[in-house]
PDB file of all heavy atoms in Angstrom:
ATOM      1  N   THR A   1       0.791  -1.192  -0.006  1.00  0.00           N
ATOM      2  CA  THR A   1      -0.028   0.018  -0.008  1.00  0.00           C
ATOM      3  C   THR A   1       0.835   1.269  -0.024  1.00  0.00           C
ATOM      4  O   THR A   1       1.969   1.307   0.400  1.00  0.00           O
ATOM      5  CB  THR A   1      -0.916   0.049   1.233  1.00  0.00           C
ATOM      6  OG1 THR A   1      -0.103   0.166   2.421  1.00  0.00           O
ATOM      7  CG2 THR A   1      -1.792  -1.059   1.331  1.00  0.00           C
ATOM      8  N   VAL A   2       0.162   2.257  -0.455  1.00  0.00           N
ATOM      9  CA  VAL A   2       0.712   3.703  -0.327  1.00  0.00           C
ATOM     10  C   VAL A   2      -0.370   4.457   0.207  1.00  0.00           C
ATOM     11  O   VAL A   2      -1.476   4.435  -0.310  1.00  0.00           O
ATOM     12  CB  VAL A   2       1.223   4.280  -1.724  1.00  0.00           C
ATOM     13  CG1 VAL A   2       1.673   5.714  -1.514  1.00  0.00           C
ATOM     14  CG2 VAL A   2       2.265   3.442  -2.321  1.00  0.00           C
ATOM     15  N   SER A   3      -0.185   5.205   1.391  1.00  0.00           N
ATOM     16  CA  SER A   3      -1.374   5.853   2.034  1.00  0.00           C
ATOM     17  C   SER A   3      -0.918   7.100   2.718  1.00  0.00           C
ATOM     18  O   SER A   3       0.201   7.282   3.009  1.00  0.00           O
ATOM     19  CB  SER A   3      -1.997   4.855   2.917  1.00  0.00           C
ATOM     20  OG  SER A   3      -1.100   4.564   4.100  1.00  0.00           O
ATOM     21  N   LEU A   4      -2.002   7.863   2.903  1.00  0.00           N
ATOM     22  CA  LEU A   4      -1.847   9.132   3.710  1.00  0.00           C
ATOM     23  C   LEU A   4      -3.253   9.246   4.393  1.00  0.00           C
ATOM     24  O   LEU A   4      -4.127   9.790   3.961  1.00  0.00           O
ATOM     25  CB  LEU A   4      -1.514  10.342   2.974  1.00  0.00           C
ATOM     26  CG  LEU A   4      -1.511  11.567   3.736  1.00  0.00           C
ATOM     27  CD1 LEU A   4      -0.415  11.530   4.873  1.00  0.00           C
ATOM     28  CD2 LEU A   4      -1.168  12.816   2.813  1.00  0.00           C
ATOM     29  N   ILE A   5      -3.395   8.678   5.640  1.00  0.00           N
ATOM     30  CA  ILE A   5      -4.627   8.476   6.357  1.00  0.00           C
ATOM     31  C   ILE A   5      -4.453   9.231   7.704  1.00  0.00           C
ATOM     32  O   ILE A   5      -3.686   8.700   8.592  1.00  0.00           O
ATOM     33  CB  ILE A   5      -5.060   7.113   6.595  1.00  0.00           C
ATOM     34  CG1 ILE A   5      -5.226   6.414   5.222  1.00  0.00           C
ATOM     35  CG2 ILE A   5      -6.315   7.145   7.355  1.00  0.00           C
ATOM     36  CD1 ILE A   5      -5.487   4.952   5.287  1.00  0.00           C
ATOM     37  N   ASN A   6      -5.052  10.329   7.871  1.00  0.00           N
ATOM     38  CA  ASN A   6      -4.978  11.117   9.185  1.00  0.00           C
ATOM     39  C   ASN A   6      -6.393  11.190   9.717  1.00  0.00           C
ATOM     40  O   ASN A   6      -7.397  11.444   9.089  1.00  0.00           O
ATOM     41  CB  ASN A   6      -4.528  12.614   8.863  1.00  0.00           C
ATOM     42  CG  ASN A   6      -3.118  12.636   8.382  1.00  0.00           C
ATOM     43  OD1 ASN A   6      -2.308  11.863   8.784  1.00  0.00           O
ATOM     44  ND2 ASN A   6      -2.840  13.549   7.503  1.00  0.00           N
ATOM     45  N   TYR A   7      -6.401  10.935  11.095  1.00  0.00           N
ATOM     46  CA  TYR A   7      -7.630  10.963  11.810  1.00  0.00           C
ATOM     47  C   TYR A   7      -7.469  11.969  12.834  1.00  0.00           C
ATOM     48  O   TYR A   7      -6.568  11.984  13.645  1.00  0.00           O
ATOM     49  CB  TYR A   7      -8.010   9.591  12.412  1.00  0.00           C
ATOM     50  CG  TYR A   7      -8.357   8.481  11.475  1.00  0.00           C
ATOM     51  CD1 TYR A   7      -7.706   7.372  11.593  1.00  0.00           C
ATOM     52  CD2 TYR A   7      -9.334   8.592  10.552  1.00  0.00           C
ATOM     53  CE1 TYR A   7      -7.996   6.219  10.714  1.00  0.00           C
ATOM     54  CE2 TYR A   7      -9.711   7.600   9.640  1.00  0.00           C
ATOM     55  CZ  TYR A   7      -9.104   6.429   9.745  1.00  0.00           C
ATOM     56  OH  TYR A   7      -9.330   5.443   8.909  1.00  0.00           O
ATOM     57  N   HIS A   8      -8.571  12.773  12.988  1.00  0.00           N
ATOM     58  CA  HIS A   8      -8.641  13.793  14.169  1.00  0.00           C
ATOM     59  C   HIS A   8      -9.659  13.152  15.128  1.00  0.00           C
ATOM     60  O   HIS A   8     -10.823  13.054  14.770  1.00  0.00           O
ATOM     61  CB  HIS A   8      -9.076  15.139  13.646  1.00  0.00           C
ATOM     62  CG  HIS A   8      -9.423  16.028  14.749  1.00  0.00           C
ATOM     63  ND1 HIS A   8     -10.219  17.108  14.727  1.00  0.00           N
ATOM     64  CD2 HIS A   8      -8.881  16.245  16.036  1.00  0.00           C
ATOM     65  CE1 HIS A   8     -10.293  17.792  15.763  1.00  0.00           C
ATOM     66  NE2 HIS A   8      -9.442  17.287  16.558  1.00  0.00           N
ATOM     67  N   PHE A   9      -9.175  12.797  16.322  1.00  0.00           N
ATOM     68  CA  PHE A   9     -10.115  12.215  17.378  1.00  0.00           C
ATOM     69  C   PHE A   9     -10.242  13.311  18.444  1.00  0.00           C
ATOM     70  O   PHE A   9      -9.353  13.984  18.790  1.00  0.00           O
ATOM     71  CB  PHE A   9      -9.442  11.042  18.042  1.00  0.00           C
ATOM     72  CG  PHE A   9      -9.254   9.834  17.096  1.00  0.00           C
ATOM     73  CD1 PHE A   9      -7.989   9.551  16.525  1.00  0.00           C
ATOM     74  CD2 PHE A   9     -10.324   9.014  16.809  1.00  0.00           C
ATOM     75  CE1 PHE A   9      -7.917   8.383  15.723  1.00  0.00           C
ATOM     76  CE2 PHE A   9     -10.253   7.931  15.992  1.00  0.00           C
ATOM     77  CZ  PHE A   9      -8.973   7.709  15.467  1.00  0.00           C
ATOM     78  N   VAL A  10     -11.467  13.283  19.040  1.00  0.00           N
ATOM     79  CA  VAL A  10     -11.692  14.019  20.252  1.00  0.00           C
ATOM     80  C   VAL A  10     -12.487  13.115  21.152  1.00  0.00           C
ATOM     81  O   VAL A  10     -13.481  12.508  20.724  1.00  0.00           O
ATOM     82  CB  VAL A  10     -12.567  15.313  20.003  1.00  0.00           C
ATOM     83  CG1 VAL A  10     -12.762  16.134  21.332  1.00  0.00           C
ATOM     84  CG2 VAL A  10     -11.913  16.253  18.967  1.00  0.00           C
ATOM     85  N   PHE A  11     -12.048  12.937  22.402  1.00  0.00           N
ATOM     86  CA  PHE A  11     -12.804  12.078  23.348  1.00  0.00           C
ATOM     87  C   PHE A  11     -12.655  12.652  24.773  1.00  0.00           C
ATOM     88  O   PHE A  11     -11.713  13.466  25.019  1.00  0.00           O
ATOM     89  CB  PHE A  11     -12.366  10.614  23.242  1.00  0.00           C
ATOM     90  CG  PHE A  11     -10.915  10.375  23.352  1.00  0.00           C
ATOM     91  CD1 PHE A  11     -10.307   9.903  24.514  1.00  0.00           C
ATOM     92  CD2 PHE A  11     -10.026  10.592  22.275  1.00  0.00           C
ATOM     93  CE1 PHE A  11      -8.961   9.723  24.637  1.00  0.00           C
ATOM     94  CE2 PHE A  11      -8.631  10.411  22.399  1.00  0.00           C
ATOM     95  CZ  PHE A  11      -8.051   9.932  23.564  1.00  0.00           C
ATOM     96  N   CYS A  12     -13.543  12.254  25.607  1.00  0.00           N
ATOM     97  CA  CYS A  12     -13.681  12.807  26.966  1.00  0.00           C
ATOM     98  C   CYS A  12     -13.766  11.727  28.081  1.00  0.00           C
ATOM     99  O   CYS A  12     -14.294  10.662  27.838  1.00  0.00           O
ATOM    100  CB  CYS A  12     -14.978  13.547  27.068  1.00  0.00           C
ATOM    101  SG  CYS A  12     -15.267  14.767  25.836  1.00  0.00           S
ATOM    102  N   PRO A  13     -13.327  12.166  29.308  1.00  0.00           N
ATOM    103  CA  PRO A  13     -13.490  11.242  30.376  1.00  0.00           C
ATOM    104  C   PRO A  13     -14.897  11.257  30.732  1.00  0.00           C
ATOM    105  O   PRO A  13     -15.719  12.098  30.362  1.00  0.00           O
ATOM    106  CB  PRO A  13     -12.778  11.946  31.571  1.00  0.00           C
ATOM    107  CG  PRO A  13     -11.762  12.854  30.813  1.00  0.00           C
ATOM    108  CD  PRO A  13     -12.470  13.305  29.648  1.00  0.00           C
ATOM    109  N   ARG A  14     -15.383  10.162  31.457  1.00  0.00           N
ATOM    110  CA  ARG A  14     -16.701   9.952  31.911  1.00  0.00           C
ATOM    111  C   ARG A  14     -17.252  11.186  32.600  1.00  0.00           C
ATOM    112  O   ARG A  14     -16.455  11.721  33.478  1.00  0.00           O
ATOM    113  CB  ARG A  14     -16.886   8.783  32.784  1.00  0.00           C
ATOM    114  CG  ARG A  14     -17.287   7.556  32.042  1.00  0.00           C
ATOM    115  CD  ARG A  14     -17.461   6.412  33.099  1.00  0.00           C
ATOM    116  NE  ARG A  14     -18.950   6.023  32.982  1.00  0.00           N
ATOM    117  CZ  ARG A  14     -19.273   4.903  32.490  1.00  0.00           C
ATOM    118  NH1 ARG A  14     -18.442   4.003  31.959  1.00  0.00           N
ATOM    119  NH2 ARG A  14     -20.568   4.615  32.455  1.00  0.00           N
ATOM    120  N   TYR A  15     -18.428  11.614  32.371  1.00  0.00           N
ATOM    121  CA  TYR A  15     -19.092  12.726  33.004  1.00  0.00           C
ATOM    122  C   TYR A  15     -18.318  13.991  32.832  1.00  0.00           C
ATOM    123  O   TYR A  15     -18.429  14.946  33.668  1.00  0.00           O
ATOM    124  CB  TYR A  15     -19.314  12.375  34.510  1.00  0.00           C
ATOM    125  CG  TYR A  15     -19.899  11.148  34.854  1.00  0.00           C
ATOM    126  CD1 TYR A  15     -19.256  10.107  35.482  1.00  0.00           C
ATOM    127  CD2 TYR A  15     -21.183  10.755  34.307  1.00  0.00           C
ATOM    128  CE1 TYR A  15     -19.763   8.896  35.752  1.00  0.00           C
ATOM    129  CE2 TYR A  15     -21.810   9.604  34.521  1.00  0.00           C
ATOM    130  CZ  TYR A  15     -21.080   8.641  35.175  1.00  0.00           C
ATOM    131  OH  TYR A  15     -21.545   7.358  35.442  1.00  0.00           O
ATOM    132  N   ARG A  16     -17.463  14.067  31.864  1.00  0.00           N
ATOM    133  CA  ARG A  16     -16.619  15.177  31.408  1.00  0.00           C
ATOM    134  C   ARG A  16     -15.812  15.664  32.689  1.00  0.00           C
ATOM    135  O   ARG A  16     -15.488  16.855  32.921  1.00  0.00           O
ATOM    136  CB  ARG A  16     -17.590  16.314  30.903  1.00  0.00           C
ATOM    137  CG  ARG A  16     -16.828  17.385  30.161  1.00  0.00           C
ATOM    138  CD  ARG A  16     -16.641  16.972  28.672  1.00  0.00           C
ATOM    139  NE  ARG A  16     -15.845  17.878  27.956  1.00  0.00           N
ATOM    140  CZ  ARG A  16     -16.079  18.478  26.767  1.00  0.00           C
ATOM    141  NH1 ARG A  16     -17.242  18.203  26.243  1.00  0.00           N
ATOM    142  NH2 ARG A  16     -15.265  19.455  26.297  1.00  0.00           N
ATOM    143  N   ARG A  17     -15.446  14.742  33.487  1.00  0.00           N
ATOM    144  CA  ARG A  17     -14.636  15.162  34.790  1.00  0.00           C
ATOM    145  C   ARG A  17     -13.282  15.662  34.372  1.00  0.00           C
ATOM    146  O   ARG A  17     -12.619  15.209  33.322  1.00  0.00           O
ATOM    147  CB  ARG A  17     -14.397  13.832  35.520  1.00  0.00           C
ATOM    148  CG  ARG A  17     -15.643  13.386  36.333  1.00  0.00           C
ATOM    149  CD  ARG A  17     -15.206  12.381  37.426  1.00  0.00           C
ATOM    150  NE  ARG A  17     -16.329  12.112  38.312  1.00  0.00           N
ATOM    151  CZ  ARG A  17     -17.000  10.963  38.219  1.00  0.00           C
ATOM    152  NH1 ARG A  17     -16.540   9.889  37.539  1.00  0.00           N
ATOM    153  NH2 ARG A  17     -18.053  10.766  39.073  1.00  0.00           N
ATOM    154  N   LYS A  18     -12.880  16.647  35.077  1.00  0.00           N
ATOM    155  CA  LYS A  18     -11.580  17.293  34.724  1.00  0.00           C
ATOM    156  C   LYS A  18     -10.435  16.573  35.488  1.00  0.00           C
ATOM    157  O   LYS A  18      -9.797  17.063  36.426  1.00  0.00           O
ATOM    158  CB  LYS A  18     -11.600  18.820  35.274  1.00  0.00           C
ATOM    159  CG  LYS A  18     -12.627  19.611  34.460  1.00  0.00           C
ATOM    160  CD  LYS A  18     -12.718  20.981  34.878  1.00  0.00           C
ATOM    161  CE  LYS A  18     -13.639  22.011  34.265  1.00  0.00           C
ATOM    162  NZ  LYS A  18     -14.410  21.536  33.193  1.00  0.00           N
ATOM    163  N   VAL A  19     -10.098  15.416  35.033  1.00  0.00           N
ATOM    164  CA  VAL A  19      -9.114  14.474  35.706  1.00  0.00           C
ATOM    165  C   VAL A  19      -7.791  14.513  34.921  1.00  0.00           C
ATOM    166  O   VAL A  19      -6.700  13.971  35.457  1.00  0.00           O
ATOM    167  CB  VAL A  19      -9.604  13.062  35.816  1.00  0.00           C
ATOM    168  CG1 VAL A  19     -10.848  13.041  36.731  1.00  0.00           C
ATOM    169  CG2 VAL A  19      -9.951  12.487  34.316  1.00  0.00           C
ATOM    170  N   LEU A  20      -7.727  15.081  33.683  1.00  0.00           N
ATOM    171  CA  LEU A  20      -6.547  15.065  32.896  1.00  0.00           C
ATOM    172  C   LEU A  20      -5.568  16.194  33.186  1.00  0.00           C
ATOM    173  O   LEU A  20      -5.430  17.108  32.390  1.00  0.00           O
ATOM    174  CB  LEU A  20      -6.838  14.919  31.450  1.00  0.00           C
ATOM    175  CG  LEU A  20      -7.675  13.762  31.060  1.00  0.00           C
ATOM    176  CD1 LEU A  20      -8.061  13.906  29.585  1.00  0.00           C
ATOM    177  CD2 LEU A  20      -6.888  12.438  31.152  1.00  0.00           C
ATOM    178  N   VAL A  21      -5.062  16.170  34.445  1.00  0.00           N
ATOM    179  CA  VAL A  21      -4.216  17.290  34.914  1.00  0.00           C
ATOM    180  C   VAL A  21      -3.004  16.701  35.544  1.00  0.00           C
ATOM    181  O   VAL A  21      -2.928  15.554  35.898  1.00  0.00           O
ATOM    182  CB  VAL A  21      -4.926  18.228  35.951  1.00  0.00           C
ATOM    183  CG1 VAL A  21      -6.134  18.940  35.283  1.00  0.00           C
ATOM    184  CG2 VAL A  21      -5.531  17.361  37.102  1.00  0.00           C
ATOM    185  N   SER A  22      -1.890  17.555  35.715  1.00  0.00           N
ATOM    186  CA  SER A  22      -0.670  17.276  36.225  1.00  0.00           C
ATOM    187  C   SER A  22      -0.082  15.878  35.955  1.00  0.00           C
ATOM    188  O   SER A  22       0.100  15.600  34.779  1.00  0.00           O
ATOM    189  CB  SER A  22      -0.679  17.572  37.802  1.00  0.00           C
ATOM    190  OG  SER A  22      -1.615  16.686  38.516  1.00  0.00           O
ATOM    191  N   GLN A  23       0.160  15.060  36.895  1.00  0.00           N
ATOM    192  CA  GLN A  23       0.692  13.697  36.700  1.00  0.00           C
ATOM    193  C   GLN A  23      -0.140  12.843  35.771  1.00  0.00           C
ATOM    194  O   GLN A  23       0.383  11.976  35.032  1.00  0.00           O
ATOM    195  CB  GLN A  23       1.075  12.982  38.026  1.00  0.00           C
ATOM    196  CG  GLN A  23       2.093  13.708  38.700  1.00  0.00           C
ATOM    197  CD  GLN A  23       1.797  13.808  40.223  1.00  0.00           C
ATOM    198  OE1 GLN A  23       0.649  13.880  40.601  1.00  0.00           O
ATOM    199  NE2 GLN A  23       2.880  13.796  41.029  1.00  0.00           N
ATOM    200  N   VAL A  24      -1.417  12.898  35.952  1.00  0.00           N
ATOM    201  CA  VAL A  24      -2.313  12.097  35.059  1.00  0.00           C
ATOM    202  C   VAL A  24      -2.203  12.438  33.692  1.00  0.00           C
ATOM    203  O   VAL A  24      -2.155  11.615  32.754  1.00  0.00           O
ATOM    204  CB  VAL A  24      -3.889  12.233  35.563  1.00  0.00           C
ATOM    205  CG1 VAL A  24      -4.760  11.376  34.663  1.00  0.00           C
ATOM    206  CG2 VAL A  24      -3.985  11.780  36.944  1.00  0.00           C
ATOM    207  N   GLU A  25      -2.178  13.768  33.366  1.00  0.00           N
ATOM    208  CA  GLU A  25      -1.846  14.224  31.973  1.00  0.00           C
ATOM    209  C   GLU A  25      -0.636  13.778  31.411  1.00  0.00           C
ATOM    210  O   GLU A  25      -0.430  13.277  30.352  1.00  0.00           O
ATOM    211  CB  GLU A  25      -1.983  15.741  31.924  1.00  0.00           C
ATOM    212  CG  GLU A  25      -1.666  16.334  30.596  1.00  0.00           C
ATOM    213  CD  GLU A  25      -1.564  17.837  30.488  1.00  0.00           C
ATOM    214  OE1 GLU A  25      -1.638  18.459  31.512  1.00  0.00           O
ATOM    215  OE2 GLU A  25      -1.305  18.347  29.413  1.00  0.00           O
ATOM    216  N   ALA A  26       0.486  13.928  32.176  1.00  0.00           N
ATOM    217  CA  ALA A  26       1.781  13.479  31.820  1.00  0.00           C
ATOM    218  C   ALA A  26       1.920  11.994  31.534  1.00  0.00           C
ATOM    219  O   ALA A  26       2.402  11.557  30.435  1.00  0.00           O
ATOM    220  CB  ALA A  26       2.874  13.818  32.866  1.00  0.00           C
ATOM    221  N   ARG A  27       1.287  11.197  32.431  1.00  0.00           N
ATOM    222  CA  ARG A  27       1.300   9.699  32.209  1.00  0.00           C
ATOM    223  C   ARG A  27       0.474   9.348  30.997  1.00  0.00           C
ATOM    224  O   ARG A  27       0.871   8.425  30.273  1.00  0.00           O
ATOM    225  CB  ARG A  27       0.824   9.051  33.510  1.00  0.00           C
ATOM    226  CG  ARG A  27       0.836   7.541  33.325  1.00  0.00           C
ATOM    227  CD  ARG A  27       2.241   7.067  33.280  1.00  0.00           C
ATOM    228  NE  ARG A  27       2.292   5.566  33.245  1.00  0.00           N
ATOM    229  CZ  ARG A  27       2.869   4.923  32.338  1.00  0.00           C
ATOM    230  NH1 ARG A  27       3.598   5.382  31.322  1.00  0.00           N
ATOM    231  NH2 ARG A  27       2.850   3.510  32.396  1.00  0.00           N
ATOM    232  N   PHE A  28      -0.638  10.014  30.868  1.00  0.00           N
ATOM    233  CA  PHE A  28      -1.547   9.802  29.649  1.00  0.00           C
ATOM    234  C   PHE A  28      -0.827  10.015  28.404  1.00  0.00           C
ATOM    235  O   PHE A  28      -0.786   9.137  27.460  1.00  0.00           O
ATOM    236  CB  PHE A  28      -2.771  10.673  29.751  1.00  0.00           C
ATOM    237  CG  PHE A  28      -3.574  10.580  28.415  1.00  0.00           C
ATOM    238  CD1 PHE A  28      -4.457   9.478  28.181  1.00  0.00           C
ATOM    239  CD2 PHE A  28      -3.552  11.561  27.518  1.00  0.00           C
ATOM    240  CE1 PHE A  28      -5.090   9.406  26.962  1.00  0.00           C
ATOM    241  CE2 PHE A  28      -4.327  11.539  26.341  1.00  0.00           C
ATOM    242  CZ  PHE A  28      -5.055  10.410  26.055  1.00  0.00           C
ATOM    243  N   LYS A  29      -0.049  11.137  28.215  1.00  0.00           N
ATOM    244  CA  LYS A  29       0.805  11.474  27.090  1.00  0.00           C
ATOM    245  C   LYS A  29       1.821  10.300  26.866  1.00  0.00           C
ATOM    246  O   LYS A  29       2.010   9.907  25.702  1.00  0.00           O
ATOM    247  CB  LYS A  29       1.503  12.756  27.154  1.00  0.00           C
ATOM    248  CG  LYS A  29       0.451  13.954  27.110  1.00  0.00           C
ATOM    249  CD  LYS A  29       1.184  15.302  27.132  1.00  0.00           C
ATOM    250  CE  LYS A  29       0.238  16.429  26.889  1.00  0.00           C
ATOM    251  NZ  LYS A  29       0.863  17.700  27.066  1.00  0.00           N
ATOM    252  N   GLU A  30       2.473   9.857  27.912  1.00  0.00           N
ATOM    253  CA  GLU A  30       3.433   8.736  27.727  1.00  0.00           C
ATOM    254  C   GLU A  30       2.780   7.514  27.182  1.00  0.00           C
ATOM    255  O   GLU A  30       3.346   6.845  26.300  1.00  0.00           O
ATOM    256  CB  GLU A  30       4.067   8.517  29.166  1.00  0.00           C
ATOM    257  CG  GLU A  30       5.063   9.457  29.623  1.00  0.00           C
ATOM    258  CD  GLU A  30       5.554   9.139  31.076  1.00  0.00           C
ATOM    259  OE1 GLU A  30       5.270   8.003  31.639  1.00  0.00           O
ATOM    260  OE2 GLU A  30       6.107  10.025  31.709  1.00  0.00           O
ATOM    261  N   LEU A  31       1.639   7.194  27.737  1.00  0.00           N
ATOM    262  CA  LEU A  31       0.943   5.916  27.391  1.00  0.00           C
ATOM    263  C   LEU A  31       0.546   6.043  25.854  1.00  0.00           C
ATOM    264  O   LEU A  31       0.716   5.128  25.112  1.00  0.00           O
ATOM    265  CB  LEU A  31      -0.240   5.684  28.249  1.00  0.00           C
ATOM    266  CG  LEU A  31       0.010   5.234  29.688  1.00  0.00           C
ATOM    267  CD1 LEU A  31      -1.254   5.294  30.510  1.00  0.00           C
ATOM    268  CD2 LEU A  31       0.552   3.861  29.713  1.00  0.00           C
ATOM    269  N   VAL A  32       0.105   7.254  25.482  1.00  0.00           N
ATOM    270  CA  VAL A  32      -0.323   7.356  24.114  1.00  0.00           C
ATOM    271  C   VAL A  32       0.862   7.275  23.185  1.00  0.00           C
ATOM    272  O   VAL A  32       0.843   6.644  22.120  1.00  0.00           O
ATOM    273  CB  VAL A  32      -1.007   8.793  23.908  1.00  0.00           C
ATOM    274  CG1 VAL A  32      -1.199   9.106  22.359  1.00  0.00           C
ATOM    275  CG2 VAL A  32      -2.392   8.815  24.574  1.00  0.00           C
ATOM    276  N   GLN A  33       2.045   7.875  23.529  1.00  0.00           N
ATOM    277  CA  GLN A  33       3.292   7.771  22.727  1.00  0.00           C
ATOM    278  C   GLN A  33       3.695   6.300  22.644  1.00  0.00           C
ATOM    279  O   GLN A  33       4.032   5.889  21.558  1.00  0.00           O
ATOM    280  CB  GLN A  33       4.341   8.600  23.293  1.00  0.00           C
ATOM    281  CG  GLN A  33       4.027  10.079  23.035  1.00  0.00           C
ATOM    282  CD  GLN A  33       5.015  11.062  23.784  1.00  0.00           C
ATOM    283  OE1 GLN A  33       5.635  10.701  24.713  1.00  0.00           O
ATOM    284  NE2 GLN A  33       5.049  12.315  23.267  1.00  0.00           N
ATOM    285  N   GLU A  34       3.659   5.546  23.748  1.00  0.00           N
ATOM    286  CA  GLU A  34       4.041   4.122  23.717  1.00  0.00           C
ATOM    287  C   GLU A  34       3.136   3.337  22.766  1.00  0.00           C
ATOM    288  O   GLU A  34       3.580   2.555  22.033  1.00  0.00           O
ATOM    289  CB  GLU A  34       3.964   3.506  25.127  1.00  0.00           C
ATOM    290  CG  GLU A  34       5.055   4.033  26.061  1.00  0.00           C
ATOM    291  CD  GLU A  34       4.866   3.618  27.473  1.00  0.00           C
ATOM    292  OE1 GLU A  34       3.946   2.782  27.792  1.00  0.00           O
ATOM    293  OE2 GLU A  34       5.425   4.274  28.452  1.00  0.00           O
ATOM    294  N   LEU A  35       1.794   3.537  22.938  1.00  0.00           N
ATOM    295  CA  LEU A  35       0.837   2.864  22.066  1.00  0.00           C
ATOM    296  C   LEU A  35       1.078   3.164  20.607  1.00  0.00           C
ATOM    297  O   LEU A  35       0.963   2.344  19.717  1.00  0.00           O
ATOM    298  CB  LEU A  35      -0.606   3.201  22.425  1.00  0.00           C
ATOM    299  CG  LEU A  35      -1.109   2.406  23.666  1.00  0.00           C
ATOM    300  CD1 LEU A  35      -2.463   3.152  24.137  1.00  0.00           C
ATOM    301  CD2 LEU A  35      -1.545   0.991  23.139  1.00  0.00           C
ATOM    302  N   CYS A  36       1.296   4.464  20.338  1.00  0.00           N
ATOM    303  CA  CYS A  36       1.478   4.820  18.844  1.00  0.00           C
ATOM    304  C   CYS A  36       2.802   4.222  18.336  1.00  0.00           C
ATOM    305  O   CYS A  36       2.740   3.771  17.172  1.00  0.00           O
ATOM    306  CB  CYS A  36       1.557   6.388  18.804  1.00  0.00           C
ATOM    307  SG  CYS A  36      -0.086   7.181  19.096  1.00  0.00           S
ATOM    308  N   GLN A  37       3.782   4.219  19.085  1.00  0.00           N
ATOM    309  CA  GLN A  37       5.064   3.475  18.668  1.00  0.00           C
ATOM    310  C   GLN A  37       4.779   2.035  18.370  1.00  0.00           C
ATOM    311  O   GLN A  37       5.154   1.481  17.338  1.00  0.00           O
ATOM    312  CB  GLN A  37       6.126   3.656  19.736  1.00  0.00           C
ATOM    313  CG  GLN A  37       7.356   4.322  19.190  1.00  0.00           C
ATOM    314  CD  GLN A  37       8.398   4.542  20.300  1.00  0.00           C
ATOM    315  OE1 GLN A  37       8.123   4.311  21.472  1.00  0.00           O
ATOM    316  NE2 GLN A  37       9.515   4.974  19.858  1.00  0.00           N
ATOM    317  N   LYS A  38       4.119   1.414  19.338  1.00  0.00           N
ATOM    318  CA  LYS A  38       3.851  -0.083  19.310  1.00  0.00           C
ATOM    319  C   LYS A  38       2.978  -0.375  18.030  1.00  0.00           C
ATOM    320  O   LYS A  38       3.172  -1.455  17.399  1.00  0.00           O
ATOM    321  CB  LYS A  38       3.136  -0.534  20.487  1.00  0.00           C
ATOM    322  CG  LYS A  38       2.819  -1.925  20.586  1.00  0.00           C
ATOM    323  CD  LYS A  38       2.106  -2.276  21.904  1.00  0.00           C
ATOM    324  CE  LYS A  38       1.462  -3.637  21.766  1.00  0.00           C
ATOM    325  NZ  LYS A  38       0.747  -3.977  22.947  1.00  0.00           N
ATOM    326  N   ASN A  39       1.991   0.446  17.603  1.00  0.00           N
ATOM    327  CA  ASN A  39       1.022   0.180  16.612  1.00  0.00           C
ATOM    328  C   ASN A  39       1.396   0.821  15.240  1.00  0.00           C
ATOM    329  O   ASN A  39       0.580   0.765  14.343  1.00  0.00           O
ATOM    330  CB  ASN A  39      -0.332   0.613  17.055  1.00  0.00           C
ATOM    331  CG  ASN A  39      -0.878  -0.364  18.118  1.00  0.00           C
ATOM    332  OD1 ASN A  39      -1.249  -1.437  17.804  1.00  0.00           O
ATOM    333  ND2 ASN A  39      -0.908   0.152  19.307  1.00  0.00           N
ATOM    334  N   ASP A  40       2.594   1.480  15.205  1.00  0.00           N
ATOM    335  CA  ASP A  40       2.998   2.202  14.014  1.00  0.00           C
ATOM    336  C   ASP A  40       1.987   3.290  13.572  1.00  0.00           C
ATOM    337  O   ASP A  40       1.714   3.541  12.433  1.00  0.00           O
ATOM    338  CB  ASP A  40       3.262   1.220  12.867  1.00  0.00           C
ATOM    339  CG  ASP A  40       4.119   1.742  11.787  1.00  0.00           C
ATOM    340  OD1 ASP A  40       4.921   2.690  12.100  1.00  0.00           O
ATOM    341  OD2 ASP A  40       4.166   1.228  10.725  1.00  0.00           O
ATOM    342  N   TRP A  41       1.562   4.067  14.668  1.00  0.00           N
ATOM    343  CA  TRP A  41       0.781   5.238  14.405  1.00  0.00           C
ATOM    344  C   TRP A  41       1.661   6.455  14.631  1.00  0.00           C
ATOM    345  O   TRP A  41       2.554   6.536  15.527  1.00  0.00           O
ATOM    346  CB  TRP A  41      -0.480   5.370  15.352  1.00  0.00           C
ATOM    347  CG  TRP A  41      -1.393   4.188  15.289  1.00  0.00           C
ATOM    348  CD1 TRP A  41      -1.589   3.348  14.316  1.00  0.00           C
ATOM    349  CD2 TRP A  41      -2.026   3.768  16.406  1.00  0.00           C
ATOM    350  NE1 TRP A  41      -2.479   2.479  14.657  1.00  0.00           N
ATOM    351  CE2 TRP A  41      -2.870   2.607  15.945  1.00  0.00           C
ATOM    352  CE3 TRP A  41      -2.322   4.102  17.785  1.00  0.00           C
ATOM    353  CZ2 TRP A  41      -3.674   1.908  16.755  1.00  0.00           C
ATOM    354  CZ3 TRP A  41      -3.109   3.398  18.525  1.00  0.00           C
ATOM    355  CH2 TRP A  41      -3.896   2.309  18.134  1.00  0.00           C
ATOM    356  N   LEU A  42       1.551   7.516  13.757  1.00  0.00           N
ATOM    357  CA  LEU A  42       2.366   8.711  13.928  1.00  0.00           C
ATOM    358  C   LEU A  42       1.507   9.797  14.547  1.00  0.00           C
ATOM    359  O   LEU A  42       0.376  10.075  14.066  1.00  0.00           O
ATOM    360  CB  LEU A  42       2.916   9.210  12.681  1.00  0.00           C
ATOM    361  CG  LEU A  42       3.757   8.087  11.864  1.00  0.00           C
ATOM    362  CD1 LEU A  42       4.077   8.691  10.487  1.00  0.00           C
ATOM    363  CD2 LEU A  42       4.937   7.702  12.761  1.00  0.00           C
ATOM    364  N   ILE A  43       1.966  10.468  15.699  1.00  0.00           N
ATOM    365  CA  ILE A  43       1.250  11.462  16.313  1.00  0.00           C
ATOM    366  C   ILE A  43       1.491  12.853  15.471  1.00  0.00           C
ATOM    367  O   ILE A  43       2.734  13.265  15.474  1.00  0.00           O
ATOM    368  CB  ILE A  43       1.694  11.718  17.781  1.00  0.00           C
ATOM    369  CG1 ILE A  43       1.309  10.495  18.554  1.00  0.00           C
ATOM    370  CG2 ILE A  43       1.006  12.926  18.337  1.00  0.00           C
ATOM    371  CD1 ILE A  43       1.814  10.456  19.979  1.00  0.00           C
ATOM    372  N   VAL A  44       0.573  13.346  14.824  1.00  0.00           N
ATOM    373  CA  VAL A  44       0.721  14.632  14.124  1.00  0.00           C
ATOM    374  C   VAL A  44       0.574  15.691  15.136  1.00  0.00           C
ATOM    375  O   VAL A  44       1.364  16.698  15.087  1.00  0.00           O
ATOM    376  CB  VAL A  44      -0.261  14.775  13.011  1.00  0.00           C
ATOM    377  CG1 VAL A  44      -0.170  16.057  12.254  1.00  0.00           C
ATOM    378  CG2 VAL A  44      -0.229  13.617  12.012  1.00  0.00           C
TER     379      VAL A  44
END
């Protein structure tokens, strides 16, 4: 294949709770980067 597929996702915590702050935010970003590397997804 030859491809250029970009997806823009928006998603929220349950009940729109403001939980993605400080260490939770930092750890979430690390986890996303690890998952993207593992699955060959590129973070634009």
